[in-house]
């Protein structure tokens, strides 16, 4: 199917993403994949803490899941623009499922080591990079441009819902059945995601770059496009700063909760309430943008997080910690929905992989630092100092956005049609 035919396919449907079968399949695969990751995201640190009793060792697992973005996102973005994106996503889910399934196998034979877990985290991280870039690139192929904000919100809501169910499911399986059970379910979720992707009918191919074009030249083209769009470029930098905090939060909450003598099930409740906050934020992202304008909404989110984060050191008990986690995640999701819908409709179809990979390189570049810094800080400085450290970082992001002036032109972009038009993005 040609690019023009693909565009016609998605513009003939009604004004709801849920009446687009291929989007429903894509969304279902997205949710299944996220559920598998969420169910094991709590099992990884719990299992490593069980084996080593070291927060720093648990933090390394988070680093290994995010380091591939620093190294591979740009070349993977160019390759995604060359390859069949649907096939790439299917193969990635197959590889992630097989890697994760190896943990319960080694546990069964009592030969699992921390190094094996690290290897699985690295493999899953590499395949996640490729899948994540391809997934972002195919969204405009199955959803018309005027529905992209709705689809972005639905994706974020599905992501948040999986984060609600996943930690509860993971801790229940880990505590009530076996240490291996969360990873069995995680692998099954990747397989379910794979199967949903196989039924998408829309062609996810785009016109290939000229045969004489080198990979380096194609990468440069995407980077130059992003650099020319300074608002989008700086939004990606802010996203990177917030993601550094997001990568640190699960371990921070786990250690604080364990310090309060919370059970594994209560820790799962905390992380699930955090996911619920993400759902709420994704639902109200578009409404907040309409109410306050794009630039003002961004500033509200950043300052809100800076004010909420210190509460982690003051709130006793799993319920209050979970509510605080949910509030911080709600603000994070508000920003994620707004910046993604702002960006994705502006990128030319043949540059989706390269530009999104460049944005996501910036957005995820600090995740390894957040995961490593949280582990080291928690082990050697303690929970209070760690929370203060990350609060100061969020405040610096908010201050930069407020005083540097790059958001001035977006302060009154309150209507979604403005925020997703070429005029709104330049």
Protein backbone atom coordinates (compact mmCIF):
# COMPACT_ATOMS: atom_id res chain seq x y z
CA UNK A 1 0.00 0.00 0.00
CA UNK A 2 1.36 3.43 -0.90
CA UNK A 3 1.76 6.31 1.52
CA UNK A 4 -1.14 8.12 -0.13
CA UNK A 5 -3.38 5.07 0.14
CA UNK A 6 -2.45 4.66 3.79
CA UNK A 7 -3.38 8.28 4.45
CA UNK A 8 -6.72 7.82 2.67
CA UNK A 9 -7.41 4.74 4.76
CA UNK A 10 -7.29 6.63 8.05
CA UNK A 11 -9.07 9.78 6.88
CA UNK A 12 -12.25 7.98 5.82
CA UNK A 13 -13.17 6.86 9.35
CA UNK A 14 -15.38 8.69 11.87
CA UNK A 15 -14.11 11.08 14.51
CA UNK A 16 -13.20 8.43 17.10
CA UNK A 17 -10.01 6.46 17.36
CA UNK A 18 -12.00 3.50 18.70
CA UNK A 19 -13.67 3.10 15.31
CA UNK A 20 -10.30 2.49 13.67
CA UNK A 21 -9.67 -1.29 13.97
CA UNK A 22 -5.95 -1.03 13.29
CA UNK A 23 -5.54 1.58 16.01
CA UNK A 24 -7.40 -0.65 18.46
CA UNK A 25 -4.98 -3.48 17.61
CA UNK A 26 -1.98 -1.17 17.93
CA UNK A 27 -3.27 0.16 21.25
CA UNK A 28 -3.95 -3.36 22.52
CA UNK A 29 -0.40 -4.41 21.70
CA UNK A 30 0.89 -1.28 23.42
CA UNK A 31 -1.09 -2.03 26.59
CA UNK A 32 -0.11 -5.73 26.67
CA UNK A 33 3.54 -4.82 26.27
CA UNK A 34 3.37 -2.20 28.99
CA UNK A 35 1.56 -4.59 31.32
CA UNK A 36 4.35 -7.13 30.90
CA UNK A 37 6.98 -4.50 31.61
CA UNK A 38 5.05 -3.11 34.60
CA UNK A 39 4.53 -6.54 36.17
CA UNK A 40 8.27 -7.22 36.01
CA UNK A 41 9.49 -3.68 36.76
CA UNK A 42 8.82 -4.28 40.44
CA UNK A 43 9.98 -7.92 40.28
CA UNK A 44 13.45 -6.99 38.97
CA UNK A 45 14.46 -4.85 41.98
CA UNK A 46 12.71 -7.16 44.46
CA UNK A 47 14.53 -10.17 43.04
CA UNK A 48 17.90 -8.39 42.98
CA UNK A 49 17.38 -7.09 46.52
CA UNK A 50 16.54 -10.67 47.54
CA UNK A 51 19.76 -11.95 45.97
CA UNK A 52 22.10 -9.13 47.03
CA UNK A 53 20.38 -6.86 49.61
CA UNK A 54 21.93 -3.92 47.71
CA UNK A 55 19.94 -0.93 46.37
CA UNK A 56 22.93 -0.01 44.22
CA UNK A 57 22.82 -3.44 42.56
CA UNK A 58 19.09 -2.98 41.93
CA UNK A 59 19.79 0.43 40.41
CA UNK A 60 22.20 -1.11 37.89
CA UNK A 61 19.33 -3.11 36.40
CA UNK A 62 17.51 0.12 35.64
CA UNK A 63 20.64 1.57 34.07
CA UNK A 64 21.03 -1.42 31.75
CA UNK A 65 17.43 -1.13 30.56
CA UNK A 66 17.99 2.50 29.52
CA UNK A 67 21.60 2.71 28.35
CA UNK A 68 20.73 1.31 24.88
CA UNK A 69 18.79 4.50 24.15
CA UNK A 70 21.99 6.51 24.46
CA UNK A 71 23.86 4.32 22.00
CA UNK A 72 21.28 2.97 19.57
CA UNK A 73 18.37 5.37 19.24
CA UNK A 74 19.76 7.41 16.32
CA UNK A 75 20.83 4.47 14.10
CA UNK A 76 17.67 2.56 15.03
CA UNK A 77 15.57 5.58 14.04
CA UNK A 78 17.14 5.63 10.59
CA UNK A 79 16.69 1.88 10.21
CA UNK A 80 13.04 2.10 11.24
CA UNK A 81 12.51 4.54 8.35
CA UNK A 82 14.03 1.92 6.01
CA UNK A 83 12.38 -1.24 7.29
CA UNK A 84 8.85 -2.55 7.57
CA UNK A 85 7.92 -1.06 10.93
CA UNK A 86 5.25 -3.66 11.64
CA UNK A 87 7.70 -6.52 11.18
CA UNK A 88 10.24 -4.75 13.38
CA UNK A 89 7.70 -4.48 16.21
CA UNK A 90 6.71 -8.15 15.95
CA UNK A 91 10.33 -9.37 16.04
CA UNK A 92 11.13 -7.10 18.98
CA UNK A 93 8.26 -8.51 21.02
CA UNK A 94 9.34 -12.04 20.19
CA UNK A 95 12.89 -11.32 21.37
CA UNK A 96 11.73 -9.58 24.55
CA UNK A 97 9.46 -12.49 25.42
CA UNK A 98 12.22 -15.05 24.94
CA UNK A 99 14.72 -13.04 26.99
CA UNK A 100 12.31 -12.61 29.87
CA UNK A 101 11.27 -16.27 29.78
CA UNK A 102 14.88 -17.26 30.47
CA UNK A 103 14.66 -15.93 34.06
CA UNK A 104 12.03 -18.43 35.28
CA UNK A 105 13.90 -21.23 33.48
CA UNK A 106 17.15 -20.42 35.32
CA UNK A 107 15.24 -19.94 38.58
CA UNK A 108 13.73 -23.40 38.19
CA UNK A 109 17.21 -24.92 38.01
CA UNK A 110 18.46 -22.63 40.83
CA UNK A 111 21.24 -21.24 38.66
CA UNK A 112 20.02 -17.65 38.30
CA UNK A 113 22.60 -14.96 39.06
CA UNK A 114 22.47 -11.19 39.16
CA UNK A 115 24.58 -11.14 35.99
CA UNK A 116 21.95 -13.15 34.16
CA UNK A 117 19.31 -10.63 35.24
CA UNK A 118 21.54 -7.82 34.03
CA UNK A 119 21.91 -9.50 30.63
CA UNK A 120 18.14 -9.86 30.29
CA UNK A 121 17.70 -6.20 31.21
CA UNK A 122 20.22 -5.21 28.55
CA UNK A 123 18.62 -7.34 25.82
CA UNK A 124 15.15 -6.14 26.71
CA UNK A 125 16.43 -2.55 26.74
CA UNK A 126 17.90 -2.87 23.24
CA UNK A 127 14.71 -4.35 21.81
CA UNK A 128 12.59 -1.80 23.65
CA UNK A 129 14.46 1.02 21.88
CA UNK A 130 13.69 -0.44 18.46
CA UNK A 131 10.06 -1.24 19.35
CA UNK A 132 9.44 2.14 20.95
CA UNK A 133 10.72 4.12 17.97
CA UNK A 134 8.78 1.97 15.48
CA UNK A 135 5.60 2.25 17.56
CA UNK A 136 5.75 6.06 17.60
CA UNK A 137 6.46 6.14 13.87
CA UNK A 138 3.44 4.01 12.89
CA UNK A 139 0.85 5.98 14.85
CA UNK A 140 0.27 8.61 12.12
CA UNK A 141 -0.13 5.74 9.61
CA UNK A 142 -3.21 4.36 11.36
CA UNK A 143 -4.68 7.56 12.87
CA UNK A 144 -5.59 10.76 10.97
CA UNK A 145 -3.77 13.90 12.07
CA UNK A 146 -6.79 15.52 13.73
CA UNK A 147 -7.17 12.49 16.03
CA UNK A 148 -3.51 12.29 17.04
CA UNK A 149 -4.04 14.18 20.35
CA UNK A 150 -6.87 11.77 21.19
CA UNK A 151 -4.71 8.78 20.27
CA UNK A 152 -1.78 10.15 22.26
CA UNK A 153 -4.00 10.54 25.30
CA UNK A 154 -5.43 7.05 24.85
CA UNK A 155 -1.93 5.59 24.58
CA UNK A 156 -0.84 7.36 27.74
CA UNK A 157 -4.04 6.28 29.51
CA UNK A 158 -3.43 2.66 28.49
CA UNK A 159 0.15 3.00 29.65
CA UNK A 160 -1.02 4.35 33.00
CA UNK A 161 -3.71 1.68 33.39
CA UNK A 162 -1.11 -1.01 32.82
CA UNK A 163 1.02 0.66 35.49
CA UNK A 164 -1.92 0.41 37.88
CA UNK A 165 -2.50 -3.30 37.29
CA UNK A 166 1.09 -4.36 36.60
CA UNK A 167 2.74 -3.69 39.98
CA UNK A 168 -0.19 -5.25 41.86
CA UNK A 169 -0.06 -8.26 39.59
CA UNK A 170 3.72 -8.49 39.80
CA UNK A 171 3.87 -8.30 43.58
CA UNK A 172 0.97 -10.76 43.96
CA UNK A 173 2.69 -13.27 41.68
CA UNK A 174 6.10 -12.70 43.30
CA UNK A 175 4.83 -12.96 46.87
CA UNK A 176 2.00 -15.49 46.56
CA UNK A 177 3.12 -17.87 43.81
CA UNK A 178 6.85 -17.70 43.14
CA UNK A 179 9.71 -15.37 42.29
CA UNK A 180 9.54 -16.68 38.73
CA UNK A 181 5.82 -16.07 38.16
CA UNK A 182 5.99 -12.34 37.26
CA UNK A 183 8.48 -13.09 34.50
CA UNK A 184 6.32 -15.89 33.09
CA UNK A 185 3.39 -13.49 32.88
CA UNK A 186 5.64 -10.77 31.46
CA UNK A 187 6.80 -13.04 28.66
CA UNK A 188 3.19 -14.04 27.93
CA UNK A 189 2.22 -10.35 27.66
CA UNK A 190 4.91 -9.78 25.03
CA UNK A 191 3.57 -12.73 23.05
CA UNK A 192 0.01 -11.34 23.29
CA UNK A 193 1.29 -7.99 22.03
CA UNK A 194 3.00 -9.75 19.13
CA UNK A 195 -0.24 -11.50 18.14
CA UNK A 196 -2.27 -8.28 18.15
CA UNK A 197 0.28 -6.60 15.87
CA UNK A 198 0.04 -9.44 13.33
CA UNK A 199 -3.59 -8.53 12.58
CA UNK A 200 -2.97 -4.89 11.61
CA UNK A 201 -3.98 -4.48 7.96
CA UNK A 202 -2.64 -0.99 7.22
CA UNK A 203 0.71 -1.05 5.48
CA UNK A 204 3.27 0.33 7.90
CA UNK A 205 5.95 0.75 5.24
CA UNK A 206 6.96 4.15 3.94
CA UNK A 207 8.96 5.14 0.89
CA UNK A 208 12.57 4.19 1.44
CA UNK A 209 15.35 6.77 1.27
CA UNK A 210 17.35 6.75 -1.98
CA UNK A 211 19.64 3.75 -2.26
CA UNK A 212 22.68 6.05 -2.40
CA UNK A 213 21.81 7.66 0.92
CA UNK A 214 24.05 6.54 3.77
CA UNK A 215 22.78 5.76 7.24
CA UNK A 216 24.80 8.66 8.59
CA UNK A 217 23.22 11.08 6.10
CA UNK A 218 19.74 9.88 7.00
CA UNK A 219 20.42 10.31 10.72
CA UNK A 220 21.72 13.83 10.08
CA UNK A 221 18.57 14.73 8.20
CA UNK A 222 16.41 13.86 11.19
CA UNK A 223 18.69 15.70 13.63
CA UNK A 224 18.71 18.83 11.45
CA UNK A 225 14.90 18.84 11.26
CA UNK A 226 14.65 18.61 15.04
CA UNK A 227 17.24 21.34 15.59
CA UNK A 228 15.24 23.68 13.32
CA UNK A 229 12.18 23.15 15.55
CA UNK A 230 13.53 24.75 18.73
CA UNK A 231 10.35 24.46 20.79
CA UNK A 232 10.15 20.72 20.09
CA UNK A 233 13.89 20.36 20.73
CA UNK A 234 13.63 22.03 24.14
CA UNK A 235 10.50 20.12 25.07
CA UNK A 236 12.54 16.95 24.46
CA UNK A 237 15.23 18.29 26.81
CA UNK A 238 12.63 18.93 29.52
CA UNK A 239 11.20 15.46 28.95
CA UNK A 240 14.69 14.08 29.47
CA UNK A 241 14.96 15.89 32.78
CA UNK A 242 11.59 14.59 33.96
CA UNK A 243 12.43 11.07 32.79
CA UNK A 244 15.57 11.11 34.91
CA UNK A 245 13.31 11.61 37.93
CA UNK A 246 10.79 9.07 36.63
CA UNK A 247 13.51 6.43 36.29
CA UNK A 248 14.53 7.03 39.90
CA UNK A 249 11.06 7.08 41.45
CA UNK A 250 10.22 3.34 41.65
CA UNK A 251 13.37 2.49 43.61
CA UNK A 252 12.96 5.58 45.81
CA UNK A 253 9.44 4.55 46.70
CA UNK A 254 10.42 0.93 47.27
CA UNK A 255 13.23 1.89 49.66
CA UNK A 256 11.12 4.48 51.53
CA UNK A 257 8.28 1.96 51.85
CA UNK A 258 10.61 -0.78 53.06
CA UNK A 259 12.01 1.68 55.60
CA UNK A 260 8.44 2.06 56.89
CA UNK A 261 8.14 -1.74 57.15
CA UNK A 262 5.68 -1.99 54.23
CA UNK A 263 5.04 -5.44 52.79
CA UNK A 264 5.73 -6.35 49.17
CA UNK A 265 1.97 -6.22 48.51
CA UNK A 266 1.79 -2.69 49.96
CA UNK A 267 4.70 -1.65 47.76
CA UNK A 268 2.74 -2.97 44.79
CA UNK A 269 -0.20 -0.82 45.91
CA UNK A 270 2.03 2.26 46.01
CA UNK A 271 3.28 1.71 42.47
CA UNK A 272 -0.24 0.97 41.24
CA UNK A 273 -1.54 4.23 42.68
CA UNK A 274 1.30 5.89 40.82
CA UNK A 275 0.03 4.29 37.62
CA UNK A 276 -3.51 5.43 38.40
CA UNK A 277 -2.23 8.98 38.63
CA UNK A 278 -0.73 8.55 35.17
CA UNK A 279 -4.14 7.54 33.81
CA UNK A 280 -5.79 10.61 35.32
CA UNK A 281 -3.11 12.89 33.92
CA UNK A 282 -3.40 11.45 30.42
CA UNK A 283 -7.19 11.89 30.41
CA UNK A 284 -7.04 15.56 31.38
CA UNK A 285 -3.96 16.56 29.34
CA UNK A 286 -5.92 17.94 26.39
CA UNK A 287 -8.43 19.74 28.64
CA UNK A 288 -5.65 21.36 30.64
CA UNK A 289 -4.01 22.60 27.47
CA UNK A 290 -7.29 24.12 26.29
CA UNK A 291 -7.86 25.77 29.66
CA UNK A 292 -4.43 27.29 30.30
CA UNK A 293 -2.68 27.28 26.94
CA UNK A 294 0.23 25.02 26.02
CA UNK A 295 3.08 27.04 27.53
CA UNK A 296 1.28 27.83 30.78
CA UNK A 297 0.24 24.20 31.18
CA UNK A 298 3.88 23.13 30.82
CA UNK A 299 4.94 25.55 33.57
CA UNK A 300 2.11 24.41 35.87
CA UNK A 301 3.22 20.79 35.46
CA UNK A 302 6.86 21.53 36.23
CA UNK A 303 6.27 23.71 39.27
CA UNK A 304 3.62 21.30 40.51
CA UNK A 305 6.10 18.44 40.49
CA UNK A 306 8.71 20.56 42.25
CA UNK A 307 6.21 21.28 45.04
CA UNK A 308 4.87 17.73 45.36
CA UNK A 309 8.10 15.72 45.30
CA UNK A 310 9.35 16.76 48.78
CA UNK A 311 6.18 15.28 50.29
CA UNK A 312 7.72 11.82 49.93
CA UNK A 313 9.81 12.43 53.04
CA UNK A 314 6.82 13.60 55.09
CA UNK A 315 4.08 11.07 54.33
CA UNK A 316 3.84 7.91 56.46
CA UNK A 317 2.20 4.71 55.28
CA UNK A 318 1.72 3.07 51.88
CA UNK A 319 -1.59 4.79 51.09
CA UNK A 320 -0.27 8.34 51.50
CA UNK A 321 2.92 7.44 49.62
CA UNK A 322 0.82 5.97 46.83
CA UNK A 323 -1.32 9.10 46.60
CA UNK A 324 1.80 11.26 46.40
CA UNK A 325 3.24 8.99 43.70
CA UNK A 326 -0.04 9.23 41.79
CA UNK A 327 -0.05 13.03 41.95
CA UNK A 328 3.52 13.28 40.66
CA UNK A 329 2.76 10.79 37.88
CA UNK A 330 -0.41 12.67 36.90
CA UNK A 331 1.63 15.80 36.24
CA UNK A 332 4.23 13.77 34.36
CA UNK A 333 1.52 12.28 32.10
CA UNK A 334 0.01 15.70 31.46
CA UNK A 335 3.34 16.85 30.07
CA UNK A 336 3.97 13.64 28.14
CA UNK A 337 0.62 13.82 26.32
CA UNK A 338 0.96 17.49 25.47
CA UNK A 339 4.50 17.37 24.13
CA UNK A 340 3.96 14.17 22.15
CA UNK A 341 0.77 15.30 20.39
CA UNK A 342 2.41 18.69 19.75
CA UNK A 343 5.35 17.02 18.09
CA UNK A 344 4.18 13.98 16.19
CA UNK A 345 1.73 15.67 13.80
CA UNK A 346 4.47 18.05 12.62
CA UNK A 347 7.00 15.39 11.57
CA UNK A 348 6.96 14.36 7.86
CA UNK A 349 5.97 10.71 7.36
CA UNK A 350 9.35 9.67 5.95
CA UNK A 351 11.17 11.26 8.92
CA UNK A 352 9.05 9.83 11.73
CA UNK A 353 11.59 7.21 12.79
CA UNK A 354 14.60 9.52 12.66
CA UNK A 355 13.05 12.56 14.33
CA UNK A 356 11.27 10.54 17.00
CA UNK A 357 14.49 8.65 17.72
CA UNK A 358 16.33 11.98 18.08
CA UNK A 359 13.64 13.30 20.41
CA UNK A 360 13.61 10.12 22.42
CA UNK A 361 17.39 10.06 22.64
CA UNK A 362 17.12 13.41 24.38
CA UNK A 363 14.06 12.33 26.36
CA UNK A 364 15.59 9.09 27.64
CA UNK A 365 19.25 10.06 27.77
CA UNK A 366 19.19 10.77 31.50
CA UNK A 367 17.24 7.65 32.51
CA UNK A 368 20.40 5.60 33.20
CA UNK A 369 21.74 8.46 35.32
CA UNK A 370 18.47 8.66 37.26
CA UNK A 371 18.41 4.93 37.91
CA UNK A 372 22.09 4.80 38.94
CA UNK A 373 22.01 8.01 40.97
CA UNK A 374 18.93 6.91 42.91
CA UNK A 375 20.53 3.59 43.84
CA UNK A 376 23.83 5.15 44.94
CA UNK A 377 22.20 8.06 46.75
CA UNK A 378 19.76 5.80 48.60
CA UNK A 379 22.54 3.48 49.70
CA UNK A 380 25.09 6.09 50.77
CA UNK A 381 23.08 9.26 51.55
CA UNK A 382 19.67 7.96 52.56
CA UNK A 383 16.11 8.54 51.39
CA UNK A 384 15.68 12.13 52.60
CA UNK A 385 18.83 13.39 50.86
CA UNK A 386 17.83 11.55 47.68
CA UNK A 387 14.40 13.19 47.61
CA UNK A 388 15.95 16.61 48.20
CA UNK A 389 18.43 16.01 45.37
CA UNK A 390 15.74 15.15 42.82
CA UNK A 391 13.44 17.95 44.02
CA UNK A 392 16.22 20.45 43.33
CA UNK A 393 16.60 19.03 39.83
CA UNK A 394 12.88 19.44 39.04
CA UNK A 395 12.97 23.01 40.36
CA UNK A 396 15.89 23.82 38.05
CA UNK A 397 13.92 22.49 35.06
CA UNK A 398 10.92 24.61 35.99
CA UNK A 399 13.08 27.70 36.47
CA UNK A 400 14.78 27.24 33.09
CA UNK A 401 11.43 26.87 31.30
CA UNK A 402 10.03 29.91 33.09
CA UNK A 403 12.87 32.40 32.55
CA UNK A 404 14.58 31.33 29.30
CA UNK A 405 11.77 32.61 27.08
CA UNK A 406 11.41 29.72 24.64
CA UNK A 407 7.84 29.00 25.78
CA UNK A 408 6.63 32.57 25.23
CA UNK A 409 5.31 31.87 21.74
CA UNK A 410 3.26 28.91 23.00
CA UNK A 411 1.60 30.49 26.03
CA UNK A 412 -1.70 31.02 24.23
CA UNK A 413 -1.78 27.81 22.21
CA UNK A 414 -4.90 26.65 23.96
CA UNK A 415 -6.75 24.93 21.15
CA UNK A 416 -5.66 21.49 20.05
CA UNK A 417 -5.94 22.47 16.40
CA UNK A 418 -3.38 25.25 17.04
CA UNK A 419 -1.04 22.98 18.93
CA UNK A 420 -1.05 20.42 16.16
CA UNK A 421 -0.79 22.75 13.16
CA UNK A 422 2.46 23.63 11.44
CA UNK A 423 2.01 27.26 12.48
CA UNK A 424 1.67 26.24 16.11
CA UNK A 425 4.90 24.26 16.03
CA UNK A 426 7.24 26.79 14.51
